């Protein structure tokens, strides 16, 4: 995992209060939404909180009507979106 991915993962862990997650347990390609068995297990409320945290920290807006935002499914995708903006 890159330094930026670790930073993003920590932001998500902290902002979503995911007490059962640690940086070392994160796969940057694991799905953020859906089954907890195969990924993070986040839901739509988590998506709103995640979008707000990312916007506040990095200035990257994730709007529902934006087709690319609908594809936010992993930490690595968010990292790429943030890197593209820089």
PDB file of N, CA and C in Angstrom:
ATOM      1  N   UNK A   1       0.861  -1.167   0.000  1.00  0.00           N
ATOM      2  CA  UNK A   1       0.000   0.000   0.000  1.00  0.00           C
ATOM      3  C   UNK A   1       0.910   1.233   0.000  1.00  0.00           C
ATOM      4  N   UNK A   2       0.547   2.225  -0.819  1.00  0.00           N
ATOM      5  CA  UNK A   2       1.336   3.450  -0.879  1.00  0.00           C
ATOM      6  C   UNK A   2       1.056   4.318   0.346  1.00  0.00           C
ATOM      7  N   UNK A   3       1.887   5.324   0.539  1.00  0.00           N
ATOM      8  CA  UNK A   3       1.705   6.242   1.664  1.00  0.00           C
ATOM      9  C   UNK A   3       0.355   6.959   1.567  1.00  0.00           C
ATOM     10  N   UNK A   4      -0.018   7.367   0.364  1.00  0.00           N
ATOM     11  CA  UNK A   4      -1.304   8.048   0.166  1.00  0.00           C
ATOM     12  C   UNK A   4      -2.464   7.111   0.471  1.00  0.00           C
ATOM     13  N   UNK A   5      -2.362   5.852   0.060  1.00  0.00           N
ATOM     14  CA  UNK A   5      -3.416   4.881   0.363  1.00  0.00           C
ATOM     15  C   UNK A   5      -3.529   4.651   1.862  1.00  0.00           C
ATOM     16  N   UNK A   6      -2.392   4.604   2.552  1.00  0.00           N
ATOM     17  CA  UNK A   6      -2.424   4.453   4.008  1.00  0.00           C
ATOM     18  C   UNK A   6      -3.107   5.650   4.654  1.00  0.00           C
ATOM     19  N   UNK A   7      -2.803   6.851   4.162  1.00  0.00           N
ATOM     20  CA  UNK A   7      -3.423   8.063   4.689  1.00  0.00           C
ATOM     21  C   UNK A   7      -4.936   8.042   4.464  1.00  0.00           C
ATOM     22  N   UNK A   8      -5.349   7.637   3.269  1.00  0.00           N
ATOM     23  CA  UNK A   8      -6.780   7.540   2.962  1.00  0.00           C
ATOM     24  C   UNK A   8      -7.458   6.488   3.825  1.00  0.00           C
ATOM     25  N   UNK A   9      -6.829   5.346   3.958  1.00  0.00           N
ATOM     26  CA  UNK A   9      -7.399   4.280   4.788  1.00  0.00           C
ATOM     27  C   UNK A   9      -7.571   4.758   6.223  1.00  0.00           C
ATOM     28  N   UNK A  10      -6.564   5.460   6.753  1.00  0.00           N
ATOM     29  CA  UNK A  10      -6.663   5.968   8.118  1.00  0.00           C
ATOM     30  C   UNK A  10      -7.776   6.999   8.232  1.00  0.00           C
ATOM     31  N   UNK A  11      -7.928   7.852   7.220  1.00  0.00           N
ATOM     32  CA  UNK A  11      -9.016   8.827   7.205  1.00  0.00           C
ATOM     33  C   UNK A  11     -10.365   8.122   7.272  1.00  0.00           C
ATOM     34  N   UNK A  12     -10.540   7.069   6.475  1.00  0.00           N
ATOM     35  CA  UNK A  12     -11.804   6.327   6.472  1.00  0.00           C
ATOM     36  C   UNK A  12     -12.020   5.610   7.799  1.00  0.00           C
ATOM     37  N   UNK A  13     -10.985   4.986   8.321  1.00  0.00           N
ATOM     38  CA  UNK A  13     -11.100   4.281   9.604  1.00  0.00           C
ATOM     39  C   UNK A  13     -11.529   5.251  10.698  1.00  0.00           C
ATOM     40  N   UNK A  14     -10.904   6.423  10.732  1.00  0.00           N
ATOM     41  CA  UNK A  14     -11.194   7.414  11.764  1.00  0.00           C
ATOM     42  C   UNK A  14     -12.569   8.045  11.568  1.00  0.00           C
ATOM     43  N   UNK A  15     -12.844   8.528  10.355  1.00  0.00           N
ATOM     44  CA  UNK A  15     -14.098   9.257  10.117  1.00  0.00           C
ATOM     45  C   UNK A  15     -15.322   8.356  10.206  1.00  0.00           C
ATOM     46  N   UNK A  16     -15.162   7.081   9.879  1.00  0.00           N
ATOM     47  CA  UNK A  16     -16.291   6.150   9.935  1.00  0.00           C
ATOM     48  C   UNK A  16     -16.298   5.337  11.233  1.00  0.00           C
ATOM     49  N   UNK A  17     -15.348   5.618  12.110  1.00  0.00           N
ATOM     50  CA  UNK A  17     -15.241   4.934  13.406  1.00  0.00           C
ATOM     51  C   UNK A  17     -15.248   3.418  13.248  1.00  0.00           C
ATOM     52  N   UNK A  18     -14.372   2.941  12.381  1.00  0.00           N
ATOM     53  CA  UNK A  18     -14.268   1.507  12.108  1.00  0.00           C
ATOM     54  C   UNK A  18     -13.244   0.896  13.063  1.00  0.00           C
ATOM     55  N   UNK A  19     -13.690   0.603  14.260  1.00  0.00           N
ATOM     56  CA  UNK A  19     -12.808   0.135  15.315  1.00  0.00           C
ATOM     57  C   UNK A  19     -12.177  -1.223  15.025  1.00  0.00           C
ATOM     58  N   UNK A  20     -12.786  -2.002  14.130  1.00  0.00           N
ATOM     59  CA  UNK A  20     -12.262  -3.330  13.830  1.00  0.00           C
ATOM     60  C   UNK A  20     -11.256  -3.317  12.681  1.00  0.00           C
ATOM     61  N   UNK A  21     -10.968  -2.149  12.109  1.00  0.00           N
ATOM     62  CA  UNK A  21     -10.022  -2.035  10.997  1.00  0.00           C
ATOM     63  C   UNK A  21      -8.733  -1.373  11.464  1.00  0.00           C
ATOM     64  N   UNK A  22      -7.612  -1.827  10.903  1.00  0.00           N
ATOM     65  CA  UNK A  22      -6.316  -1.191  11.125  1.00  0.00           C
ATOM     66  C   UNK A  22      -5.657  -1.015   9.767  1.00  0.00           C
ATOM     67  N   UNK A  23      -4.678  -0.149   9.707  1.00  0.00           N
ATOM     68  CA  UNK A  23      -3.946   0.070   8.452  1.00  0.00           C
ATOM     69  C   UNK A  23      -3.397  -1.254   7.932  1.00  0.00           C
ATOM     70  N   UNK A  24      -2.859  -2.070   8.811  1.00  0.00           N
ATOM     71  CA  UNK A  24      -2.255  -3.338   8.396  1.00  0.00           C
ATOM     72  C   UNK A  24      -3.273  -4.357   7.890  1.00  0.00           C
ATOM     73  N   UNK A  25      -4.544  -4.177   8.220  1.00  0.00           N
ATOM     74  CA  UNK A  25      -5.563  -5.139   7.787  1.00  0.00           C
ATOM     75  C   UNK A  25      -6.251  -4.714   6.487  1.00  0.00           C
ATOM     76  N   UNK A  26      -5.843  -3.583   5.917  1.00  0.00           N
ATOM     77  CA  UNK A  26      -6.513  -3.032   4.742  1.00  0.00           C
ATOM     78  C   UNK A  26      -5.874  -3.507   3.448  1.00  0.00           C
ATOM     79  N   UNK A  27      -6.696  -3.987   2.555  1.00  0.00           N
ATOM     80  CA  UNK A  27      -6.294  -4.262   1.175  1.00  0.00           C
ATOM     81  C   UNK A  27      -6.814  -3.088   0.356  1.00  0.00           C
ATOM     82  N   UNK A  28      -5.937  -2.291  -0.287  1.00  0.00           N
ATOM     83  CA  UNK A  28      -6.393  -1.107  -1.005  1.00  0.00           C
ATOM     84  C   UNK A  28      -7.306  -1.411  -2.185  1.00  0.00           C
ATOM     85  N   UNK A  29      -7.386  -2.662  -2.586  1.00  0.00           N
ATOM     86  CA  UNK A  29      -8.258  -3.047  -3.688  1.00  0.00           C
ATOM     87  C   UNK A  29      -9.524  -3.752  -3.213  1.00  0.00           C
ATOM     88  N   UNK A  30      -9.682  -3.880  -1.900  1.00  0.00           N
ATOM     89  CA  UNK A  30     -10.890  -4.511  -1.354  1.00  0.00           C
ATOM     90  C   UNK A  30     -12.082  -3.589  -1.589  1.00  0.00           C
ATOM     91  N   UNK A  31     -13.241  -4.160  -1.915  1.00  0.00           N
ATOM     92  CA  UNK A  31     -14.428  -3.332  -2.123  1.00  0.00           C
ATOM     93  C   UNK A  31     -14.844  -2.617  -0.838  1.00  0.00           C
ATOM     94  N   UNK A  32     -15.199  -1.345  -0.966  1.00  0.00           N
ATOM     95  CA  UNK A  32     -15.644  -0.580   0.197  1.00  0.00           C
ATOM     96  C   UNK A  32     -17.079  -0.923   0.565  1.00  0.00           C
ATOM     97  N   UNK A  33     -17.898  -1.230  -0.429  1.00  0.00           N
ATOM     98  CA  UNK A  33     -19.332  -1.455  -0.205  1.00  0.00           C
ATOM     99  C   UNK A  33     -19.696  -2.909  -0.433  1.00  0.00           C
ATOM    100  N   UNK A  34     -20.810  -3.317   0.181  1.00  0.00           N
ATOM    101  CA  UNK A  34     -21.289  -4.681   0.007  1.00  0.00           C
ATOM    102  C   UNK A  34     -20.911  -5.558   1.181  1.00  0.00           C
ATOM    103  N   UNK A  35     -20.600  -6.797   0.890  1.00  0.00           N
ATOM    104  CA  UNK A  35     -20.351  -7.810   1.909  1.00  0.00           C
ATOM    105  C   UNK A  35     -19.131  -7.492   2.772  1.00  0.00           C
ATOM    106  N   UNK A  36     -19.312  -7.590   4.062  1.00  0.00           N
ATOM    107  CA  UNK A  36     -18.217  -7.395   5.011  1.00  0.00           C
ATOM    108  C   UNK A  36     -17.195  -8.521   4.894  1.00  0.00           C
ATOM    109  N   UNK A  37     -17.641  -9.686   4.423  1.00  0.00           N
ATOM    110  CA  UNK A  37     -16.746 -10.836   4.296  1.00  0.00           C
ATOM    111  C   UNK A  37     -15.663 -10.616   3.244  1.00  0.00           C
ATOM    112  N   UNK A  38     -15.986  -9.855   2.200  1.00  0.00           N
ATOM    113  CA  UNK A  38     -15.039  -9.665   1.103  1.00  0.00           C
ATOM    114  C   UNK A  38     -14.448  -8.263   1.044  1.00  0.00           C
ATOM    115  N   UNK A  39     -14.874  -7.375   1.920  1.00  0.00           N
ATOM    116  CA  UNK A  39     -14.355  -6.009   1.881  1.00  0.00           C
ATOM    117  C   UNK A  39     -14.656  -5.258   3.160  1.00  0.00           C
ATOM    118  N   UNK A  40     -14.910  -3.979   3.016  1.00  0.00           N
ATOM    119  CA  UNK A  40     -15.148  -3.110   4.158  1.00  0.00           C
ATOM    120  C   UNK A  40     -16.563  -3.221   4.695  1.00  0.00           C
ATOM    121  N   UNK A  41     -17.533  -3.577   3.863  1.00  0.00           N
ATOM    122  CA  UNK A  41     -18.919  -3.717   4.294  1.00  0.00           C
ATOM    123  C   UNK A  41     -19.627  -2.400   4.564  1.00  0.00           C
ATOM    124  N   UNK A  42     -19.235  -1.324   3.873  1.00  0.00           N
ATOM    125  CA  UNK A  42     -19.853  -0.023   4.092  1.00  0.00           C
ATOM    126  C   UNK A  42     -21.234   0.063   3.456  1.00  0.00           C
ATOM    127  N   UNK A  43     -22.057   0.980   3.979  1.00  0.00           N
ATOM    128  CA  UNK A  43     -23.406   1.179   3.438  1.00  0.00           C
ATOM    129  C   UNK A  43     -23.551   2.614   2.927  1.00  0.00           C
ATOM    130  N   UNK A  44     -24.768   2.997   2.559  1.00  0.00           N
ATOM    131  CA  UNK A  44     -24.999   4.313   1.950  1.00  0.00           C
ATOM    132  C   UNK A  44     -24.730   5.466   2.924  1.00  0.00           C
ATOM    133  N   UNK A  45     -25.011   5.284   4.198  1.00  0.00           N
ATOM    134  CA  UNK A  45     -24.715   6.323   5.191  1.00  0.00           C
ATOM    135  C   UNK A  45     -23.196   6.497   5.297  1.00  0.00           C
ATOM    136  N   UNK A  46     -22.477   5.380   5.308  1.00  0.00           N
ATOM    137  CA  UNK A  46     -21.013   5.443   5.319  1.00  0.00           C
ATOM    138  C   UNK A  46     -20.500   6.179   4.087  1.00  0.00           C
ATOM    139  N   UNK A  47     -21.143   5.968   2.947  1.00  0.00           N
ATOM    140  CA  UNK A  47     -20.728   6.630   1.702  1.00  0.00           C
ATOM    141  C   UNK A  47     -20.821   8.142   1.837  1.00  0.00           C
ATOM    142  N   UNK A  48     -21.887   8.631   2.455  1.00  0.00           N
ATOM    143  CA  UNK A  48     -22.039  10.073   2.665  1.00  0.00           C
ATOM    144  C   UNK A  48     -20.948  10.609   3.586  1.00  0.00           C
ATOM    145  N   UNK A  49     -20.698   9.907   4.677  1.00  0.00           N
ATOM    146  CA  UNK A  49     -19.666  10.325   5.622  1.00  0.00           C
ATOM    147  C   UNK A  49     -18.281  10.267   4.973  1.00  0.00           C
ATOM    148  N   UNK A  50     -18.041   9.232   4.166  1.00  0.00           N
ATOM    149  CA  UNK A  50     -16.767   9.080   3.474  1.00  0.00           C
ATOM    150  C   UNK A  50     -16.560  10.225   2.488  1.00  0.00           C
ATOM    151  N   UNK A  51     -17.583  10.549   1.709  1.00  0.00           N
ATOM    152  CA  UNK A  51     -17.484  11.631   0.726  1.00  0.00           C
ATOM    153  C   UNK A  51     -17.185  12.959   1.412  1.00  0.00           C
ATOM    154  N   UNK A  52     -17.829  13.211   2.534  1.00  0.00           N
ATOM    155  CA  UNK A  52     -17.593  14.447   3.276  1.00  0.00           C
ATOM    156  C   UNK A  52     -16.166  14.502   3.820  1.00  0.00           C
ATOM    157  N   UNK A  53     -15.686  13.408   4.384  1.00  0.00           N
ATOM    158  CA  UNK A  53     -14.333  13.362   4.936  1.00  0.00           C
ATOM    159  C   UNK A  53     -13.286  13.583   3.846  1.00  0.00           C
ATOM    160  N   UNK A  54     -13.465  12.942   2.694  1.00  0.00           N
ATOM    161  CA  UNK A  54     -12.514  13.082   1.584  1.00  0.00           C
ATOM    162  C   UNK A  54     -12.547  14.512   1.048  1.00  0.00           C
ATOM    163  N   UNK A  55     -13.740  15.075   0.936  1.00  0.00           N
ATOM    164  CA  UNK A  55     -13.863  16.450   0.445  1.00  0.00           C
ATOM    165  C   UNK A  55     -13.198  17.436   1.406  1.00  0.00           C
ATOM    166  N   UNK A  56     -13.435  17.275   2.688  1.00  0.00           N
ATOM    167  CA  UNK A  56     -12.848  18.189   3.677  1.00  0.00           C
ATOM    168  C   UNK A  56     -11.326  18.088   3.715  1.00  0.00           C
ATOM    169  N   UNK A  57     -10.802  16.893   3.590  1.00  0.00           N
ATOM    170  CA  UNK A  57      -9.350  16.677   3.693  1.00  0.00           C
ATOM    171  C   UNK A  57      -8.616  17.042   2.406  1.00  0.00           C
ATOM    172  N   UNK A  58      -9.195  16.657   1.245  1.00  0.00           N
ATOM    173  CA  UNK A  58      -8.473  16.784  -0.019  1.00  0.00           C
ATOM    174  C   UNK A  58      -9.105  17.742  -1.021  1.00  0.00           C
ATOM    175  N   UNK A  59     -10.319  18.200  -0.752  1.00  0.00           N
ATOM    176  CA  UNK A  59     -10.986  19.080  -1.697  1.00  0.00           C
ATOM    177  C   UNK A  59     -11.531  18.357  -2.917  1.00  0.00           C
ATOM    178  N   UNK A  60     -11.637  17.045  -2.848  1.00  0.00           N
ATOM    179  CA  UNK A  60     -12.161  16.236  -3.952  1.00  0.00           C
ATOM    180  C   UNK A  60     -13.643  16.002  -3.704  1.00  0.00           C
ATOM    181  N   UNK A  61     -14.489  16.515  -4.603  1.00  0.00           N
ATOM    182  CA  UNK A  61     -15.934  16.321  -4.455  1.00  0.00           C
ATOM    183  C   UNK A  61     -16.354  15.003  -5.078  1.00  0.00           C
ATOM    184  N   UNK A  62     -17.237  14.316  -4.384  1.00  0.00           N
ATOM    185  CA  UNK A  62     -17.792  13.054  -4.865  1.00  0.00           C
ATOM    186  C   UNK A  62     -19.305  13.209  -4.859  1.00  0.00           C
ATOM    187  N   UNK A  63     -19.857  13.539  -6.017  1.00  0.00           N
ATOM    188  CA  UNK A  63     -21.296  13.778  -6.122  1.00  0.00           C
ATOM    189  C   UNK A  63     -21.995  12.544  -6.670  1.00  0.00           C
ATOM    190  N   UNK A  64     -23.204  12.322  -6.195  1.00  0.00           N
ATOM    191  CA  UNK A  64     -23.980  11.150  -6.626  1.00  0.00           C
ATOM    192  C   UNK A  64     -24.251  11.168  -8.125  1.00  0.00           C
ATOM    193  N   UNK A  65     -24.459  12.362  -8.675  1.00  0.00           N
ATOM    194  CA  UNK A  65     -24.775  12.431 -10.103  1.00  0.00           C
ATOM    195  C   UNK A  65     -23.541  12.293 -10.990  1.00  0.00           C
ATOM    196  N   UNK A  66     -22.354  12.320 -10.396  1.00  0.00           N
ATOM    197  CA  UNK A  66     -21.109  12.141 -11.135  1.00  0.00           C
ATOM    198  C   UNK A  66     -20.897  10.647 -11.375  1.00  0.00           C
ATOM    199  N   UNK A  67     -20.865  10.247 -12.625  1.00  0.00           N
ATOM    200  CA  UNK A  67     -20.723   8.829 -12.974  1.00  0.00           C
ATOM    201  C   UNK A  67     -19.466   8.226 -12.342  1.00  0.00           C
ATOM    202  N   UNK A  68     -18.367   8.971 -12.288  1.00  0.00           N
ATOM    203  CA  UNK A  68     -17.137   8.453 -11.692  1.00  0.00           C
ATOM    204  C   UNK A  68     -17.283   8.206 -10.200  1.00  0.00           C
ATOM    205  N   UNK A  69     -18.039   9.034  -9.507  1.00  0.00           N
ATOM    206  CA  UNK A  69     -18.229   8.848  -8.067  1.00  0.00           C
ATOM    207  C   UNK A  69     -18.982   7.563  -7.758  1.00  0.00           C
ATOM    208  N   UNK A  70     -19.827   7.144  -8.664  1.00  0.00           N
ATOM    209  CA  UNK A  70     -20.559   5.882  -8.447  1.00  0.00           C
ATOM    210  C   UNK A  70     -19.619   4.689  -8.477  1.00  0.00           C
ATOM    211  N   UNK A  71     -18.446   4.879  -9.055  1.00  0.00           N
ATOM    212  CA  UNK A  71     -17.492   3.788  -9.164  1.00  0.00           C
ATOM    213  C   UNK A  71     -16.537   3.726  -7.983  1.00  0.00           C
ATOM    214  N   UNK A  72     -16.683   4.629  -7.012  1.00  0.00           N
ATOM    215  CA  UNK A  72     -15.786   4.621  -5.851  1.00  0.00           C
ATOM    216  C   UNK A  72     -16.038   3.336  -5.082  1.00  0.00           C
ATOM    217  N   UNK A  73     -15.155   2.401  -5.275  1.00  0.00           N
ATOM    218  CA  UNK A  73     -15.362   1.099  -4.655  1.00  0.00           C
ATOM    219  C   UNK A  73     -14.159   0.619  -3.865  1.00  0.00           C
ATOM    220  N   UNK A  74     -13.052   1.346  -3.905  1.00  0.00           N
ATOM    221  CA  UNK A  74     -11.870   0.910  -3.184  1.00  0.00           C
ATOM    222  C   UNK A  74     -10.990   2.104  -2.810  1.00  0.00           C
ATOM    223  N   UNK A  75     -10.143   1.911  -1.820  1.00  0.00           N
ATOM    224  CA  UNK A  75      -9.211   2.950  -1.385  1.00  0.00           C
ATOM    225  C   UNK A  75      -8.321   3.364  -2.554  1.00  0.00           C
ATOM    226  N   UNK A  76      -7.892   2.412  -3.347  1.00  0.00           N
ATOM    227  CA  UNK A  76      -6.995   2.715  -4.475  1.00  0.00           C
ATOM    228  C   UNK A  76      -7.672   3.654  -5.474  1.00  0.00           C
ATOM    229  N   UNK A  77      -8.964   3.501  -5.719  1.00  0.00           N
ATOM    230  CA  UNK A  77      -9.671   4.400  -6.646  1.00  0.00           C
ATOM    231  C   UNK A  77      -9.680   5.818  -6.096  1.00  0.00           C
ATOM    232  N   UNK A  78      -9.945   5.969  -4.805  1.00  0.00           N
ATOM    233  CA  UNK A  78      -9.961   7.299  -4.199  1.00  0.00           C
ATOM    234  C   UNK A  78      -8.565   7.929  -4.299  1.00  0.00           C
ATOM    235  N   UNK A  79      -7.534   7.130  -4.048  1.00  0.00           N
ATOM    236  CA  UNK A  79      -6.154   7.628  -4.162  1.00  0.00           C
ATOM    237  C   UNK A  79      -5.895   8.138  -5.575  1.00  0.00           C
ATOM    238  N   UNK A  80      -6.306   7.381  -6.579  1.00  0.00           N
ATOM    239  CA  UNK A  80      -6.084   7.787  -7.963  1.00  0.00           C
ATOM    240  C   UNK A  80      -6.829   9.083  -8.276  1.00  0.00           C
ATOM    241  N   UNK A  81      -8.043   9.226  -7.788  1.00  0.00           N
ATOM    242  CA  UNK A  81      -8.831  10.432  -8.021  1.00  0.00           C
ATOM    243  C   UNK A  81      -8.154  11.628  -7.356  1.00  0.00           C
ATOM    244  N   UNK A  82      -7.656  11.444  -6.136  1.00  0.00           N
ATOM    245  CA  UNK A  82      -6.958  12.507  -5.420  1.00  0.00           C
ATOM    246  C   UNK A  82      -5.661  12.872  -6.156  1.00  0.00           C
ATOM    247  N   UNK A  83      -4.900  11.889  -6.612  1.00  0.00           N
ATOM    248  CA  UNK A  83      -3.643  12.124  -7.310  1.00  0.00           C
ATOM    249  C   UNK A  83      -3.881  12.860  -8.620  1.00  0.00           C
ATOM    250  N   UNK A  84      -4.956  12.513  -9.334  1.00  0.00           N
ATOM    251  CA  UNK A  84      -5.274  13.175 -10.590  1.00  0.00           C
ATOM    252  C   UNK A  84      -5.580  14.658 -10.383  1.00  0.00           C
ATOM    253  N   UNK A  85      -6.163  15.001  -9.230  1.00  0.00           N
ATOM    254  CA  UNK A  85      -6.544  16.384  -8.938  1.00  0.00           C
ATOM    255  C   UNK A  85      -5.328  17.236  -8.619  1.00  0.00           C
ATOM    256  N   UNK A  86      -4.304  16.629  -8.025  1.00  0.00           N
ATOM    257  CA  UNK A  86      -3.103  17.366  -7.574  1.00  0.00           C
ATOM    258  C   UNK A  86      -2.296  17.910  -8.727  1.00  0.00           C
TER     259      UNK A  86
END
